[in-house]
Amino acid sequence: MSLRKLFRRKNTAVEEPQQSPPIARRSRSREAAFGGEDCEICGTTGTPIVYGLPARDSGLEELSTQGKVVLGGCGVHRGQPTHQCSNCGSQWRIGDS
């Protein structure tokens, strides 16, 4: 069997990827999703937590150094917090009560 036929078969046998459920709940507004929600403990505006392995040239390290985002680690799981307080360090999810 030629490589072309083998390659063609592999491409036709590939299944469509299944959509994964959303990790974080949808926020009430765009402002709340990007730091507009305040900490319930001290009232400081929350900083978004970014999960996943950042690309080297993505600029996330610089944003983290500036305090505009918090790097949450490589693992992405359901139920993880979406924001962190820069003052007291508490974490929460947008939409949780």
PDB file of N, CA and C in Angstrom:
ATOM      1  N   MET A   1       0.851  -1.174   0.000  1.00  0.00           N
ATOM      2  CA  MET A   1       0.000   0.000   0.000  1.00  0.00           C
ATOM      3  C   MET A   1       0.898   1.239   0.000  1.00  0.00           C
ATOM      4  N   SER A   2       0.554   2.193  -0.836  1.00  0.00           N
ATOM      5  CA  SER A   2       1.373   3.402  -0.920  1.00  0.00           C
ATOM      6  C   SER A   2       1.099   4.323   0.267  1.00  0.00           C
ATOM      7  N   LEU A   3       2.045   5.209   0.515  1.00  0.00           N
ATOM      8  CA  LEU A   3       1.887   6.161   1.615  1.00  0.00           C
ATOM      9  C   LEU A   3       0.711   7.104   1.382  1.00  0.00           C
ATOM     10  N   ARG A   4       0.456   7.444   0.140  1.00  0.00           N
ATOM     11  CA  ARG A   4      -0.673   8.334  -0.149  1.00  0.00           C
ATOM     12  C   ARG A   4      -1.993   7.689   0.243  1.00  0.00           C
ATOM     13  N   LYS A   5      -2.151   6.410  -0.104  1.00  0.00           N
ATOM     14  CA  LYS A   5      -3.390   5.724   0.255  1.00  0.00           C
ATOM     15  C   LYS A   5      -3.511   5.604   1.768  1.00  0.00           C
ATOM     16  N   LEU A   6      -2.420   5.298   2.433  1.00  0.00           N
ATOM     17  CA  LEU A   6      -2.435   5.182   3.884  1.00  0.00           C
ATOM     18  C   LEU A   6      -2.783   6.524   4.519  1.00  0.00           C
ATOM     19  N   PHE A   7      -2.173   7.593   4.020  1.00  0.00           N
ATOM     20  CA  PHE A   7      -2.445   8.928   4.551  1.00  0.00           C
ATOM     21  C   PHE A   7      -3.901   9.317   4.300  1.00  0.00           C
ATOM     22  N   ARG A   8      -4.389   9.020   3.110  1.00  0.00           N
ATOM     23  CA  ARG A   8      -5.764   9.359   2.770  1.00  0.00           C
ATOM     24  C   ARG A   8      -6.734   8.609   3.676  1.00  0.00           C
ATOM     25  N   ARG A   9      -6.456   7.367   3.959  1.00  0.00           N
ATOM     26  CA  ARG A   9      -7.326   6.597   4.850  1.00  0.00           C
ATOM     27  C   ARG A   9      -7.333   7.178   6.254  1.00  0.00           C
ATOM     28  N   LYS A  10      -6.172   7.579   6.730  1.00  0.00           N
ATOM     29  CA  LYS A  10      -6.115   8.157   8.070  1.00  0.00           C
ATOM     30  C   LYS A  10      -6.959   9.419   8.151  1.00  0.00           C
ATOM     31  N   ASN A  11      -6.908  10.229   7.113  1.00  0.00           N
ATOM     32  CA  ASN A  11      -7.674  11.472   7.130  1.00  0.00           C
ATOM     33  C   ASN A  11      -9.172  11.222   7.094  1.00  0.00           C
ATOM     34  N   THR A  12      -9.607  10.199   6.395  1.00  0.00           N
ATOM     35  CA  THR A  12     -11.038   9.943   6.327  1.00  0.00           C
ATOM     36  C   THR A  12     -11.543   9.270   7.591  1.00  0.00           C
ATOM     37  N   ALA A  13     -10.660   8.613   8.319  1.00  0.00           N
ATOM     38  CA  ALA A  13     -11.085   7.918   9.528  1.00  0.00           C
ATOM     39  C   ALA A  13     -11.091   8.823  10.758  1.00  0.00           C
ATOM     40  N   VAL A  14     -10.607  10.032  10.613  1.00  0.00           N
ATOM     41  CA  VAL A  14     -10.551  10.942  11.758  1.00  0.00           C
ATOM     42  C   VAL A  14     -11.954  11.413  12.100  1.00  0.00           C
ATOM     43  N   GLU A  15     -12.295  11.301  13.356  1.00  0.00           N
ATOM     44  CA  GLU A  15     -13.607  11.750  13.806  1.00  0.00           C
ATOM     45  C   GLU A  15     -13.556  13.233  14.132  1.00  0.00           C
ATOM     46  N   GLU A  16     -14.700  13.867  14.018  1.00  0.00           N
ATOM     47  CA  GLU A  16     -14.794  15.274  14.389  1.00  0.00           C
ATOM     48  C   GLU A  16     -14.595  15.401  15.896  1.00  0.00           C
ATOM     49  N   PRO A  17     -13.827  16.402  16.333  1.00  0.00           N
ATOM     50  CA  PRO A  17     -13.628  16.574  17.772  1.00  0.00           C
ATOM     51  C   PRO A  17     -14.938  16.946  18.457  1.00  0.00           C
ATOM     52  N   GLN A  18     -15.141  16.386  19.627  1.00  0.00           N
ATOM     53  CA  GLN A  18     -16.338  16.698  20.392  1.00  0.00           C
ATOM     54  C   GLN A  18     -16.121  18.001  21.130  1.00  0.00           C
ATOM     55  N   GLN A  19     -17.176  18.789  21.215  1.00  0.00           N
ATOM     56  CA  GLN A  19     -17.061  20.040  21.944  1.00  0.00           C
ATOM     57  C   GLN A  19     -17.002  19.749  23.429  1.00  0.00           C
ATOM     58  N   SER A  20     -16.034  20.364  24.086  1.00  0.00           N
ATOM     59  CA  SER A  20     -15.943  20.193  25.525  1.00  0.00           C
ATOM     60  C   SER A  20     -16.833  21.224  26.199  1.00  0.00           C
ATOM     61  N   PRO A  21     -17.364  20.897  27.360  1.00  0.00           N
ATOM     62  CA  PRO A  21     -18.214  21.850  28.066  1.00  0.00           C
ATOM     63  C   PRO A  21     -17.400  23.048  28.523  1.00  0.00           C
ATOM     64  N   PRO A  22     -18.032  24.198  28.656  1.00  0.00           N
ATOM     65  CA  PRO A  22     -17.293  25.382  29.098  1.00  0.00           C
ATOM     66  C   PRO A  22     -16.738  25.199  30.496  1.00  0.00           C
ATOM     67  N   ILE A  23     -15.532  25.728  30.732  1.00  0.00           N
ATOM     68  CA  ILE A  23     -14.881  25.584  32.030  1.00  0.00           C
ATOM     69  C   ILE A  23     -15.441  26.581  33.026  1.00  0.00           C
ATOM     70  N   ALA A  24     -15.498  27.820  32.637  1.00  0.00           N
ATOM     71  CA  ALA A  24     -15.990  28.854  33.550  1.00  0.00           C
ATOM     72  C   ALA A  24     -17.408  29.244  33.159  1.00  0.00           C
ATOM     73  N   ARG A  25     -18.187  29.628  34.125  1.00  0.00           N
ATOM     74  CA  ARG A  25     -19.531  30.104  33.837  1.00  0.00           C
ATOM     75  C   ARG A  25     -19.439  31.423  33.098  1.00  0.00           C
ATOM     76  N   ARG A  26     -20.428  31.676  32.290  1.00  0.00           N
ATOM     77  CA  ARG A  26     -20.443  32.955  31.582  1.00  0.00           C
ATOM     78  C   ARG A  26     -20.779  34.060  32.574  1.00  0.00           C
ATOM     79  N   SER A  27     -20.088  35.139  32.435  1.00  0.00           N
ATOM     80  CA  SER A  27     -20.274  36.253  33.367  1.00  0.00           C
ATOM     81  C   SER A  27     -21.484  37.086  32.973  1.00  0.00           C
ATOM     82  N   ARG A  28     -21.885  37.920  33.890  1.00  0.00           N
ATOM     83  CA  ARG A  28     -23.015  38.803  33.643  1.00  0.00           C
ATOM     84  C   ARG A  28     -22.655  39.900  32.649  1.00  0.00           C
ATOM     85  N   SER A  29     -21.402  40.271  32.575  1.00  0.00           N
ATOM     86  CA  SER A  29     -20.990  41.315  31.642  1.00  0.00           C
ATOM     87  C   SER A  29     -19.530  41.119  31.263  1.00  0.00           C
ATOM     88  N   ARG A  30     -19.122  41.744  30.187  1.00  0.00           N
ATOM     89  CA  ARG A  30     -17.716  41.672  29.758  1.00  0.00           C
ATOM     90  C   ARG A  30     -16.814  42.296  30.812  1.00  0.00           C
ATOM     91  N   GLU A  31     -17.269  43.372  31.450  1.00  0.00           N
ATOM     92  CA  GLU A  31     -16.473  44.033  32.483  1.00  0.00           C
ATOM     93  C   GLU A  31     -16.193  43.071  33.637  1.00  0.00           C
ATOM     94  N   ALA A  32     -17.180  42.298  34.039  1.00  0.00           N
ATOM     95  CA  ALA A  32     -16.984  41.348  35.135  1.00  0.00           C
ATOM     96  C   ALA A  32     -16.017  40.244  34.743  1.00  0.00           C
ATOM     97  N   ALA A  33     -16.018  39.841  33.479  1.00  0.00           N
ATOM     98  CA  ALA A  33     -15.133  38.763  33.039  1.00  0.00           C
ATOM     99  C   ALA A  33     -13.677  39.186  33.033  1.00  0.00           C
ATOM    100  N   PHE A  34     -13.407  40.460  32.917  1.00  0.00           N
ATOM    101  CA  PHE A  34     -12.029  40.924  32.836  1.00  0.00           C
ATOM    102  C   PHE A  34     -11.653  41.812  34.006  1.00  0.00           C
ATOM    103  N   GLY A  35     -12.028  41.410  35.194  1.00  0.00           N
ATOM    104  CA  GLY A  35     -11.550  42.087  36.387  1.00  0.00           C
ATOM    105  C   GLY A  35     -12.502  43.098  36.973  1.00  0.00           C
ATOM    106  N   GLY A  36     -13.725  43.198  36.465  1.00  0.00           N
ATOM    107  CA  GLY A  36     -14.652  44.186  36.976  1.00  0.00           C
ATOM    108  C   GLY A  36     -15.330  43.790  38.270  1.00  0.00           C
ATOM    109  N   GLU A  37     -15.202  42.546  38.696  1.00  0.00           N
ATOM    110  CA  GLU A  37     -15.874  42.099  39.912  1.00  0.00           C
ATOM    111  C   GLU A  37     -14.936  42.261  41.103  1.00  0.00           C
ATOM    112  N   ASP A  38     -15.472  42.775  42.197  1.00  0.00           N
ATOM    113  CA  ASP A  38     -14.658  43.068  43.373  1.00  0.00           C
ATOM    114  C   ASP A  38     -14.593  41.893  44.340  1.00  0.00           C
ATOM    115  N   CYS A  39     -13.506  41.852  45.105  1.00  0.00           N
ATOM    116  CA  CYS A  39     -13.293  40.843  46.134  1.00  0.00           C
ATOM    117  C   CYS A  39     -14.310  41.054  47.254  1.00  0.00           C
ATOM    118  N   GLU A  40     -14.939  39.973  47.702  1.00  0.00           N
ATOM    119  CA  GLU A  40     -15.920  40.071  48.781  1.00  0.00           C
ATOM    120  C   GLU A  40     -15.261  40.315  50.131  1.00  0.00           C
ATOM    121  N   ILE A  41     -13.976  40.020  50.254  1.00  0.00           N
ATOM    122  CA  ILE A  41     -13.283  40.176  51.532  1.00  0.00           C
ATOM    123  C   ILE A  41     -12.799  41.604  51.733  1.00  0.00           C
ATOM    124  N   CYS A  42     -12.098  42.159  50.735  1.00  0.00           N
ATOM    125  CA  CYS A  42     -11.502  43.486  50.940  1.00  0.00           C
ATOM    126  C   CYS A  42     -11.980  44.546  49.952  1.00  0.00           C
ATOM    127  N   GLY A  43     -12.735  44.161  48.914  1.00  0.00           N
ATOM    128  CA  GLY A  43     -13.277  45.128  47.969  1.00  0.00           C
ATOM    129  C   GLY A  43     -12.368  45.500  46.813  1.00  0.00           C
ATOM    130  N   THR A  44     -11.170  44.923  46.747  1.00  0.00           N
ATOM    131  CA  THR A  44     -10.244  45.208  45.649  1.00  0.00           C
ATOM    132  C   THR A  44     -10.749  44.556  44.364  1.00  0.00           C
ATOM    133  N   THR A  45     -10.540  45.209  43.230  1.00  0.00           N
ATOM    134  CA  THR A  45     -10.956  44.659  41.942  1.00  0.00           C
ATOM    135  C   THR A  45     -10.161  43.400  41.632  1.00  0.00           C
ATOM    136  N   GLY A  46     -10.844  42.352  41.163  1.00  0.00           N
ATOM    137  CA  GLY A  46     -10.200  41.076  40.873  1.00  0.00           C
ATOM    138  C   GLY A  46      -9.355  41.113  39.615  1.00  0.00           C
ATOM    139  N   THR A  47      -8.321  40.286  39.609  1.00  0.00           N
ATOM    140  CA  THR A  47      -7.433  40.131  38.462  1.00  0.00           C
ATOM    141  C   THR A  47      -7.740  38.790  37.804  1.00  0.00           C
ATOM    142  N   PRO A  48      -7.937  38.737  36.477  1.00  0.00           N
ATOM    143  CA  PRO A  48      -8.244  37.472  35.811  1.00  0.00           C
ATOM    144  C   PRO A  48      -7.108  36.455  35.951  1.00  0.00           C
ATOM    145  N   ILE A  49      -7.483  35.194  36.132  1.00  0.00           N
ATOM    146  CA  ILE A  49      -6.515  34.100  36.189  1.00  0.00           C
ATOM    147  C   ILE A  49      -6.507  33.424  34.823  1.00  0.00           C
ATOM    148  N   VAL A  50      -5.316  33.256  34.250  1.00  0.00           N
ATOM    149  CA  VAL A  50      -5.157  32.628  32.939  1.00  0.00           C
ATOM    150  C   VAL A  50      -4.562  31.242  33.149  1.00  0.00           C
ATOM    151  N   TYR A  51      -5.237  30.212  32.609  1.00  0.00           N
ATOM    152  CA  TYR A  51      -4.770  28.834  32.730  1.00  0.00           C
ATOM    153  C   TYR A  51      -4.234  28.340  31.394  1.00  0.00           C
ATOM    154  N   GLY A  52      -3.383  27.336  31.457  1.00  0.00           N
ATOM    155  CA  GLY A  52      -2.807  26.742  30.257  1.00  0.00           C
ATOM    156  C   GLY A  52      -1.354  27.130  30.114  1.00  0.00           C
ATOM    157  N   LEU A  53      -0.662  26.430  29.238  1.00  0.00           N
ATOM    158  CA  LEU A  53       0.751  26.696  28.998  1.00  0.00           C
ATOM    159  C   LEU A  53       0.876  27.873  28.038  1.00  0.00           C
ATOM    160  N   PRO A  54       1.400  29.016  28.504  1.00  0.00           N
ATOM    161  CA  PRO A  54       1.488  30.179  27.619  1.00  0.00           C
ATOM    162  C   PRO A  54       2.607  30.026  26.594  1.00  0.00           C
ATOM    163  N   ALA A  55       2.379  30.547  25.407  1.00  0.00           N
ATOM    164  CA  ALA A  55       3.432  30.581  24.391  1.00  0.00           C
ATOM    165  C   ALA A  55       4.500  31.573  24.834  1.00  0.00           C
ATOM    166  N   ARG A  56       5.720  31.328  24.396  1.00  0.00           N
ATOM    167  CA  ARG A  56       6.832  32.188  24.828  1.00  0.00           C
ATOM    168  C   ARG A  56       6.644  33.641  24.424  1.00  0.00           C
ATOM    169  N   ASP A  57       6.060  33.868  23.270  1.00  0.00           N
ATOM    170  CA  ASP A  57       5.913  35.235  22.774  1.00  0.00           C
ATOM    171  C   ASP A  57       4.512  35.806  22.995  1.00  0.00           C
ATOM    172  N   SER A  58       3.736  35.206  23.895  1.00  0.00           N
ATOM    173  CA  SER A  58       2.357  35.650  24.095  1.00  0.00           C
ATOM    174  C   SER A  58       2.250  36.932  24.903  1.00  0.00           C
ATOM    175  N   GLY A  59       3.284  37.272  25.659  1.00  0.00           N
ATOM    176  CA  GLY A  59       3.243  38.478  26.475  1.00  0.00           C
ATOM    177  C   GLY A  59       2.597  38.281  27.830  1.00  0.00           C
ATOM    178  N   LEU A  60       2.182  37.045  28.142  1.00  0.00           N
ATOM    179  CA  LEU A  60       1.515  36.793  29.419  1.00  0.00           C
ATOM    180  C   LEU A  60       2.442  36.980  30.610  1.00  0.00           C
ATOM    181  N   GLU A  61       3.715  36.631  30.450  1.00  0.00           N
ATOM    182  CA  GLU A  61       4.650  36.820  31.565  1.00  0.00           C
ATOM    183  C   GLU A  61       4.775  38.297  31.918  1.00  0.00           C
ATOM    184  N   GLU A  62       4.831  39.137  30.900  1.00  0.00           N
ATOM    185  CA  GLU A  62       4.925  40.579  31.143  1.00  0.00           C
ATOM    186  C   GLU A  62       3.646  41.103  31.798  1.00  0.00           C
ATOM    187  N   LEU A  63       2.483  40.654  31.314  1.00  0.00           N
ATOM    188  CA  LEU A  63       1.218  41.063  31.920  1.00  0.00           C
ATOM    189  C   LEU A  63       1.128  40.597  33.364  1.00  0.00           C
ATOM    190  N   SER A  64       1.661  39.402  33.636  1.00  0.00           N
ATOM    191  CA  SER A  64       1.675  38.888  35.002  1.00  0.00           C
ATOM    192  C   SER A  64       2.568  39.739  35.892  1.00  0.00           C
ATOM    193  N   THR A  65       3.722  40.123  35.388  1.00  0.00           N
ATOM    194  CA  THR A  65       4.637  40.978  36.143  1.00  0.00           C
ATOM    195  C   THR A  65       3.995  42.332  36.438  1.00  0.00           C
ATOM    196  N   GLN A  66       3.197  42.832  35.510  1.00  0.00           N
ATOM    197  CA  GLN A  66       2.514  44.116  35.690  1.00  0.00           C
ATOM    198  C   GLN A  66       1.285  43.998  36.589  1.00  0.00           C
ATOM    199  N   GLY A  67       0.884  42.764  36.909  1.00  0.00           N
ATOM    200  CA  GLY A  67      -0.284  42.564  37.761  1.00  0.00           C
ATOM    201  C   GLY A  67      -1.607  42.621  37.032  1.00  0.00           C
ATOM    202  N   LYS A  68      -1.585  42.496  35.697  1.00  0.00           N
ATOM    203  CA  LYS A  68      -2.819  42.558  34.917  1.00  0.00           C
ATOM    204  C   LYS A  68      -3.493  41.202  34.778  1.00  0.00           C
ATOM    205  N   VAL A  69      -2.724  40.115  34.906  1.00  0.00           N
ATOM    206  CA  VAL A  69      -3.261  38.755  34.913  1.00  0.00           C
ATOM    207  C   VAL A  69      -2.494  37.942  35.946  1.00  0.00           C
ATOM    208  N   VAL A  70      -3.103  36.837  36.368  1.00  0.00           N
ATOM    209  CA  VAL A  70      -2.446  35.878  37.259  1.00  0.00           C
ATOM    210  C   VAL A  70      -2.290  34.588  36.472  1.00  0.00           C
ATOM    211  N   LEU A  71      -1.080  34.022  36.436  1.00  0.00           N
ATOM    212  CA  LEU A  71      -0.855  32.748  35.750  1.00  0.00           C
ATOM    213  C   LEU A  71      -1.293  31.630  36.684  1.00  0.00           C
ATOM    214  N   GLY A  72      -2.299  30.866  36.255  1.00  0.00           N
ATOM    215  CA  GLY A  72      -2.907  29.853  37.111  1.00  0.00           C
ATOM    216  C   GLY A  72      -2.313  28.469  36.977  1.00  0.00           C
ATOM    217  N   GLY A  73      -1.372  28.262  36.080  1.00  0.00           N
ATOM    218  CA  GLY A  73      -0.770  26.949  35.901  1.00  0.00           C
ATOM    219  C   GLY A  73      -1.222  26.297  34.609  1.00  0.00           C
ATOM    220  N   CYS A  74      -0.608  25.158  34.314  1.00  0.00           N
ATOM    221  CA  CYS A  74      -0.851  24.480  33.039  1.00  0.00           C
ATOM    222  C   CYS A  74      -2.141  23.664  33.031  1.00  0.00           C
ATOM    223  N   GLY A  75      -2.533  23.145  34.180  1.00  0.00           N
ATOM    224  CA  GLY A  75      -3.729  22.309  34.241  1.00  0.00           C
ATOM    225  C   GLY A  75      -4.995  23.133  34.131  1.00  0.00           C
ATOM    226  N   VAL A  76      -5.909  22.673  33.288  1.00  0.00           N
ATOM    227  CA  VAL A  76      -7.193  23.349  33.122  1.00  0.00           C
ATOM    228  C   VAL A  76      -8.278  22.364  33.526  1.00  0.00           C
ATOM    229  N   HIS A  77      -9.008  22.690  34.583  1.00  0.00           N
ATOM    230  CA  HIS A  77     -10.032  21.795  35.123  1.00  0.00           C
ATOM    231  C   HIS A  77     -11.298  22.583  35.428  1.00  0.00           C
ATOM    232  N   ARG A  78     -12.402  21.900  35.488  1.00  0.00           N
ATOM    233  CA  ARG A  78     -13.662  22.540  35.872  1.00  0.00           C
ATOM    234  C   ARG A  78     -13.583  23.021  37.310  1.00  0.00           C
ATOM    235  N   GLY A  79     -14.255  24.099  37.574  1.00  0.00           N
ATOM    236  CA  GLY A  79     -14.360  24.587  38.934  1.00  0.00           C
ATOM    237  C   GLY A  79     -13.201  25.440  39.416  1.00  0.00           C
ATOM    238  N   GLN A  80     -12.226  25.694  38.558  1.00  0.00           N
ATOM    239  CA  GLN A  80     -11.099  26.518  38.987  1.00  0.00           C
ATOM    240  C   GLN A  80     -11.544  27.973  39.106  1.00  0.00           C
ATOM    241  N   PRO A  81     -10.905  28.725  40.007  1.00  0.00           N
ATOM    242  CA  PRO A  81     -11.262  30.137  40.135  1.00  0.00           C
ATOM    243  C   PRO A  81     -10.904  30.916  38.874  1.00  0.00           C
ATOM    244  N   THR A  82     -11.664  31.968  38.611  1.00  0.00           N
ATOM    245  CA  THR A  82     -11.424  32.790  37.429  1.00  0.00           C
ATOM    246  C   THR A  82     -10.737  34.101  37.768  1.00  0.00           C
ATOM    247  N   HIS A  83     -10.760  34.499  39.045  1.00  0.00           N
ATOM    248  CA  HIS A  83     -10.171  35.771  39.459  1.00  0.00           C
ATOM    249  C   HIS A  83      -9.450  35.627  40.794  1.00  0.00           C
ATOM    250  N   GLN A  84      -8.476  36.498  41.009  1.00  0.00           N
ATOM    251  CA  GLN A  84      -7.734  36.528  42.269  1.00  0.00           C
ATOM    252  C   GLN A  84      -7.599  37.981  42.719  1.00  0.00           C
ATOM    253  N   CYS A  85      -7.707  38.191  44.020  1.00  0.00           N
ATOM    254  CA  CYS A  85      -7.543  39.522  44.593  1.00  0.00           C
ATOM    255  C   CYS A  85      -6.056  39.834  44.715  1.00  0.00           C
ATOM    256  N   SER A  86      -5.653  40.987  44.220  1.00  0.00           N
ATOM    257  CA  SER A  86      -4.238  41.367  44.293  1.00  0.00           C
ATOM    258  C   SER A  86      -3.861  41.871  45.680  1.00  0.00           C
ATOM    259  N   ASN A  87      -4.846  42.168  46.518  1.00  0.00           N
ATOM    260  CA  ASN A  87      -4.580  42.685  47.852  1.00  0.00           C
ATOM    261  C   ASN A  87      -4.488  41.563  48.889  1.00  0.00           C
ATOM    262  N   CYS A  88      -5.538  40.735  48.985  1.00  0.00           N
ATOM    263  CA  CYS A  88      -5.558  39.706  50.034  1.00  0.00           C
ATOM    264  C   CYS A  88      -5.280  38.300  49.512  1.00  0.00           C
ATOM    265  N   GLY A  89      -5.282  38.106  48.178  1.00  0.00           N
ATOM    266  CA  GLY A  89      -4.958  36.809  47.594  1.00  0.00           C
ATOM    267  C   GLY A  89      -6.113  35.831  47.496  1.00  0.00           C
ATOM    268  N   SER A  90      -7.320  36.221  47.913  1.00  0.00           N
ATOM    269  CA  SER A  90      -8.450  35.298  47.805  1.00  0.00           C
ATOM    270  C   SER A  90      -8.798  35.079  46.335  1.00  0.00           C
ATOM    271  N   GLN A  91      -9.390  33.924  46.041  1.00  0.00           N
ATOM    272  CA  GLN A  91      -9.744  33.569  44.668  1.00  0.00           C
ATOM    273  C   GLN A  91     -11.220  33.216  44.608  1.00  0.00           C
ATOM    274  N   TRP A  92     -11.857  33.469  43.462  1.00  0.00           N
ATOM    275  CA  TRP A  92     -13.259  33.151  43.278  1.00  0.00           C
ATOM    276  C   TRP A  92     -13.547  32.940  41.809  1.00  0.00           C
ATOM    277  N   ARG A  93     -14.745  32.406  41.566  1.00  0.00           N
ATOM    278  CA  ARG A  93     -15.229  32.194  40.202  1.00  0.00           C
ATOM    279  C   ARG A  93     -16.331  33.196  39.914  1.00  0.00           C
ATOM    280  N   ILE A  94     -16.307  33.764  38.737  1.00  0.00           N
ATOM    281  CA  ILE A  94     -17.382  34.656  38.313  1.00  0.00           C
ATOM    282  C   ILE A  94     -18.653  33.822  38.191  1.00  0.00           C
ATOM    283  N   GLY A  95     -19.736  34.320  38.750  1.00  0.00           N
ATOM    284  CA  GLY A  95     -21.015  33.633  38.664  1.00  0.00           C
ATOM    285  C   GLY A  95     -21.307  32.727  39.836  1.00  0.00           C
ATOM    286  N   ASP A  96     -20.318  32.400  40.672  1.00  0.00           N
ATOM    287  CA  ASP A  96     -20.582  31.599  41.861  1.00  0.00           C
ATOM    288  C   ASP A  96     -21.238  32.473  42.912  1.00  0.00           C
ATOM    289  N   SER A  97     -22.094  31.852  43.716  1.00  0.00           N
ATOM    290  CA  SER A  97     -22.725  32.638  44.777  1.00  0.00           C
ATOM    291  C   SER A  97     -22.237  32.219  46.133  1.00  0.00           C
TER     292      SER A  97
END
